[in-house]
Amino acid sequence: MIKTLIGAATMVAVAYAVAPAQAAHMGGTGCSGANMTKTETAVEAMADNDVKFGAEKEISLAQDAMLNGKMGACGMHLGKAAHAAMAK
């Protein structure tokens, strides 16, 4: 399962490097209000530790990118936060 998650993260990174707009839709963590809410809820349920604090920072960066219309960056940051929440 870890290899699958690492593979998915690699795919997101490659897609982001090649076409940032596509990265917003990779791995099911497209930059949308619904996905943002689901990821925030999952991160809030995590125990307080460095991983949670990093995920919270990624959510903040995703929100900022979303507000600035940078959907590729938003998807990348949201994907990182979702990955951290799944690995808890």
N, C-alpha and C. Protein backbone atom coordinates (compact mmCIF):
# COMPACT_ATOMS: atom_id res chain seq x y z
N MET A 1 0.83 -1.19 0.00
CA MET A 1 0.00 0.00 0.00
C MET A 1 0.87 1.25 0.00
N ILE A 2 1.97 1.22 0.73
CA ILE A 2 2.87 2.38 0.78
C ILE A 2 3.44 2.63 -0.62
N LYS A 3 3.79 1.55 -1.34
CA LYS A 3 4.32 1.72 -2.70
C LYS A 3 3.28 2.37 -3.59
N THR A 4 2.02 2.03 -3.40
CA THR A 4 0.94 2.64 -4.18
C THR A 4 0.85 4.12 -3.88
N LEU A 5 0.93 4.49 -2.60
CA LEU A 5 0.85 5.90 -2.22
C LEU A 5 2.05 6.68 -2.76
N ILE A 6 3.22 6.08 -2.68
CA ILE A 6 4.42 6.75 -3.20
C ILE A 6 4.31 6.91 -4.71
N GLY A 7 3.80 5.88 -5.37
CA GLY A 7 3.60 5.96 -6.81
C GLY A 7 2.63 7.06 -7.19
N ALA A 8 1.54 7.16 -6.43
CA ALA A 8 0.55 8.21 -6.70
C ALA A 8 1.16 9.59 -6.48
N ALA A 9 1.94 9.74 -5.43
CA ALA A 9 2.58 11.03 -5.15
C ALA A 9 3.57 11.39 -6.27
N THR A 10 4.27 10.39 -6.78
CA THR A 10 5.21 10.62 -7.87
C THR A 10 4.46 11.06 -9.12
N MET A 11 3.33 10.43 -9.39
CA MET A 11 2.54 10.80 -10.56
C MET A 11 2.06 12.25 -10.45
N VAL A 12 1.66 12.65 -9.25
CA VAL A 12 1.21 14.03 -9.04
C VAL A 12 2.36 14.99 -9.28
N ALA A 13 3.53 14.65 -8.78
CA ALA A 13 4.69 15.53 -8.95
C ALA A 13 5.06 15.67 -10.43
N VAL A 14 5.03 14.57 -11.16
CA VAL A 14 5.36 14.61 -12.59
C VAL A 14 4.31 15.42 -13.34
N ALA A 15 3.04 15.19 -13.04
CA ALA A 15 1.98 15.94 -13.71
C ALA A 15 2.10 17.43 -13.41
N TYR A 16 2.46 17.75 -12.20
CA TYR A 16 2.60 19.16 -11.82
C TYR A 16 3.76 19.81 -12.58
N ALA A 17 4.83 19.07 -12.77
CA ALA A 17 5.99 19.62 -13.47
C ALA A 17 5.69 19.81 -14.95
N VAL A 18 4.90 18.92 -15.53
CA VAL A 18 4.62 18.98 -16.95
C VAL A 18 3.45 19.91 -17.27
N ALA A 19 2.37 19.77 -16.52
CA ALA A 19 1.17 20.57 -16.79
C ALA A 19 0.47 20.88 -15.48
N PRO A 20 0.74 22.03 -14.87
CA PRO A 20 0.18 22.35 -13.56
C PRO A 20 -1.34 22.27 -13.48
N ALA A 21 -2.04 22.57 -14.53
CA ALA A 21 -3.50 22.51 -14.48
C ALA A 21 -3.99 21.08 -14.29
N GLN A 22 -3.27 20.11 -14.81
CA GLN A 22 -3.67 18.71 -14.66
C GLN A 22 -3.45 18.22 -13.24
N ALA A 23 -2.52 18.76 -12.53
CA ALA A 23 -2.22 18.30 -11.18
C ALA A 23 -3.39 18.51 -10.23
N ALA A 24 -4.25 19.45 -10.52
CA ALA A 24 -5.39 19.71 -9.65
C ALA A 24 -6.39 18.58 -9.66
N HIS A 25 -6.32 17.73 -10.65
CA HIS A 25 -7.30 16.65 -10.77
C HIS A 25 -6.70 15.27 -10.59
N MET A 26 -5.45 15.16 -10.21
CA MET A 26 -4.80 13.87 -10.05
C MET A 26 -5.10 13.27 -8.68
N GLY A 27 -5.26 11.97 -8.64
CA GLY A 27 -5.37 11.25 -7.39
C GLY A 27 -6.63 11.50 -6.60
N GLY A 28 -7.66 12.05 -7.20
CA GLY A 28 -8.91 12.26 -6.50
C GLY A 28 -8.89 13.43 -5.52
N THR A 29 -7.83 14.21 -5.51
CA THR A 29 -7.77 15.35 -4.61
C THR A 29 -7.78 16.64 -5.42
N GLY A 30 -8.74 16.72 -6.34
CA GLY A 30 -8.88 17.93 -7.12
C GLY A 30 -9.17 19.11 -6.20
N CYS A 31 -8.83 20.26 -6.64
CA CYS A 31 -8.99 21.47 -5.83
C CYS A 31 -10.43 21.93 -5.87
N SER A 32 -11.21 21.44 -4.93
CA SER A 32 -12.62 21.85 -4.82
C SER A 32 -12.95 22.05 -3.36
N GLY A 33 -14.04 22.74 -3.11
CA GLY A 33 -14.47 22.97 -1.73
C GLY A 33 -14.76 21.67 -1.00
N ALA A 34 -15.37 20.71 -1.70
CA ALA A 34 -15.70 19.43 -1.07
C ALA A 34 -14.44 18.66 -0.67
N ASN A 35 -13.46 18.62 -1.57
CA ASN A 35 -12.22 17.91 -1.25
C ASN A 35 -11.43 18.64 -0.16
N MET A 36 -11.50 19.96 -0.17
CA MET A 36 -10.83 20.74 0.87
C MET A 36 -11.44 20.40 2.23
N THR A 37 -12.77 20.34 2.29
CA THR A 37 -13.46 20.04 3.54
C THR A 37 -13.12 18.64 4.03
N LYS A 38 -13.15 17.66 3.12
CA LYS A 38 -12.83 16.28 3.51
C LYS A 38 -11.41 16.17 4.05
N THR A 39 -10.48 16.84 3.39
CA THR A 39 -9.08 16.77 3.82
C THR A 39 -8.90 17.47 5.16
N GLU A 40 -9.52 18.64 5.33
CA GLU A 40 -9.42 19.35 6.61
C GLU A 40 -9.97 18.50 7.75
N THR A 41 -11.10 17.83 7.51
CA THR A 41 -11.70 16.98 8.54
C THR A 41 -10.77 15.84 8.91
N ALA A 42 -10.15 15.22 7.91
CA ALA A 42 -9.23 14.11 8.17
C ALA A 42 -8.00 14.58 8.95
N VAL A 43 -7.49 15.76 8.61
CA VAL A 43 -6.31 16.29 9.30
C VAL A 43 -6.66 16.67 10.74
N GLU A 44 -7.83 17.24 10.95
CA GLU A 44 -8.24 17.60 12.31
C GLU A 44 -8.34 16.39 13.22
N ALA A 45 -8.66 15.22 12.65
CA ALA A 45 -8.80 14.00 13.44
C ALA A 45 -7.45 13.39 13.82
N MET A 46 -6.38 13.88 13.24
CA MET A 46 -5.05 13.34 13.52
C MET A 46 -4.58 13.76 14.91
N ALA A 47 -3.69 12.94 15.47
CA ALA A 47 -3.06 13.30 16.74
C ALA A 47 -2.10 14.47 16.50
N ASP A 48 -1.94 15.31 17.51
CA ASP A 48 -1.03 16.44 17.38
C ASP A 48 0.41 15.94 17.29
N ASN A 49 1.04 16.19 16.16
CA ASN A 49 2.44 15.86 15.95
C ASN A 49 2.94 16.66 14.74
N ASP A 50 4.19 16.45 14.39
CA ASP A 50 4.78 17.21 13.28
C ASP A 50 4.09 16.95 11.96
N VAL A 51 3.62 15.71 11.75
CA VAL A 51 2.94 15.38 10.50
C VAL A 51 1.64 16.18 10.38
N LYS A 52 0.89 16.27 11.47
CA LYS A 52 -0.36 17.02 11.46
C LYS A 52 -0.08 18.50 11.19
N PHE A 53 0.93 19.05 11.84
CA PHE A 53 1.23 20.46 11.65
C PHE A 53 1.67 20.74 10.21
N GLY A 54 2.41 19.81 9.62
CA GLY A 54 2.79 19.94 8.21
C GLY A 54 1.59 19.88 7.29
N ALA A 55 0.65 18.97 7.60
CA ALA A 55 -0.57 18.84 6.80
C ALA A 55 -1.42 20.10 6.90
N GLU A 56 -1.49 20.68 8.10
CA GLU A 56 -2.23 21.93 8.27
C GLU A 56 -1.61 23.06 7.44
N LYS A 57 -0.29 23.08 7.36
CA LYS A 57 0.38 24.10 6.56
C LYS A 57 0.07 23.89 5.08
N GLU A 58 0.05 22.62 4.64
CA GLU A 58 -0.28 22.32 3.24
C GLU A 58 -1.72 22.75 2.92
N ILE A 59 -2.64 22.55 3.85
CA ILE A 59 -4.02 22.99 3.64
C ILE A 59 -4.07 24.51 3.51
N SER A 60 -3.32 25.19 4.35
CA SER A 60 -3.28 26.65 4.28
C SER A 60 -2.73 27.12 2.92
N LEU A 61 -1.67 26.46 2.46
CA LEU A 61 -1.10 26.80 1.16
C LEU A 61 -2.08 26.49 0.03
N ALA A 62 -2.83 25.39 0.17
CA ALA A 62 -3.84 25.03 -0.83
C ALA A 62 -4.94 26.08 -0.89
N GLN A 63 -5.38 26.54 0.27
CA GLN A 63 -6.43 27.57 0.31
C GLN A 63 -5.95 28.85 -0.34
N ASP A 64 -4.72 29.24 -0.05
CA ASP A 64 -4.16 30.45 -0.64
C ASP A 64 -4.07 30.32 -2.16
N ALA A 65 -3.60 29.16 -2.62
CA ALA A 65 -3.49 28.94 -4.06
C ALA A 65 -4.87 28.96 -4.72
N MET A 66 -5.85 28.35 -4.06
CA MET A 66 -7.21 28.33 -4.61
C MET A 66 -7.76 29.75 -4.75
N LEU A 67 -7.54 30.56 -3.73
CA LEU A 67 -8.03 31.95 -3.77
C LEU A 67 -7.35 32.77 -4.86
N ASN A 68 -6.11 32.40 -5.20
CA ASN A 68 -5.36 33.11 -6.24
C ASN A 68 -5.53 32.49 -7.62
N GLY A 69 -6.41 31.47 -7.72
CA GLY A 69 -6.68 30.85 -9.02
C GLY A 69 -5.61 29.91 -9.51
N LYS A 70 -4.71 29.50 -8.65
CA LYS A 70 -3.63 28.59 -9.03
C LYS A 70 -4.06 27.16 -8.70
N MET A 71 -4.90 26.59 -9.56
CA MET A 71 -5.51 25.31 -9.28
C MET A 71 -4.50 24.16 -9.26
N GLY A 72 -3.46 24.24 -10.05
CA GLY A 72 -2.43 23.20 -10.04
C GLY A 72 -1.71 23.16 -8.70
N ALA A 73 -1.30 24.31 -8.22
CA ALA A 73 -0.63 24.39 -6.92
C ALA A 73 -1.57 23.97 -5.80
N CYS A 74 -2.84 24.37 -5.91
CA CYS A 74 -3.83 24.00 -4.90
C CYS A 74 -3.96 22.48 -4.83
N GLY A 75 -4.10 21.84 -5.98
CA GLY A 75 -4.22 20.39 -6.01
C GLY A 75 -3.00 19.69 -5.45
N MET A 76 -1.81 20.23 -5.73
CA MET A 76 -0.58 19.64 -5.22
C MET A 76 -0.55 19.72 -3.69
N HIS A 77 -0.84 20.89 -3.13
CA HIS A 77 -0.80 21.05 -1.68
C HIS A 77 -1.90 20.23 -1.00
N LEU A 78 -3.08 20.21 -1.60
CA LEU A 78 -4.18 19.43 -1.04
C LEU A 78 -3.85 17.94 -1.08
N GLY A 79 -3.21 17.51 -2.14
CA GLY A 79 -2.79 16.11 -2.25
C GLY A 79 -1.78 15.73 -1.18
N LYS A 80 -0.84 16.63 -0.89
CA LYS A 80 0.14 16.37 0.16
C LYS A 80 -0.53 16.26 1.53
N ALA A 81 -1.49 17.14 1.78
CA ALA A 81 -2.20 17.10 3.06
C ALA A 81 -3.03 15.81 3.18
N ALA A 82 -3.69 15.42 2.09
CA ALA A 82 -4.49 14.20 2.10
C ALA A 82 -3.61 12.98 2.30
N HIS A 83 -2.45 12.98 1.69
CA HIS A 83 -1.51 11.87 1.84
C HIS A 83 -1.06 11.75 3.29
N ALA A 84 -0.77 12.87 3.92
CA ALA A 84 -0.36 12.85 5.33
C ALA A 84 -1.49 12.35 6.21
N ALA A 85 -2.72 12.73 5.89
CA ALA A 85 -3.86 12.29 6.70
C ALA A 85 -4.09 10.79 6.56
N MET A 86 -3.85 10.24 5.37
CA MET A 86 -4.02 8.80 5.16
C MET A 86 -2.92 8.01 5.84
N ALA A 87 -1.74 8.59 5.96
CA ALA A 87 -0.62 7.88 6.54
C ALA A 87 -0.59 7.92 8.06
N LYS A 88 -1.53 8.64 8.66
CA LYS A 88 -1.54 8.82 10.12
C LYS A 88 -1.47 7.49 10.80
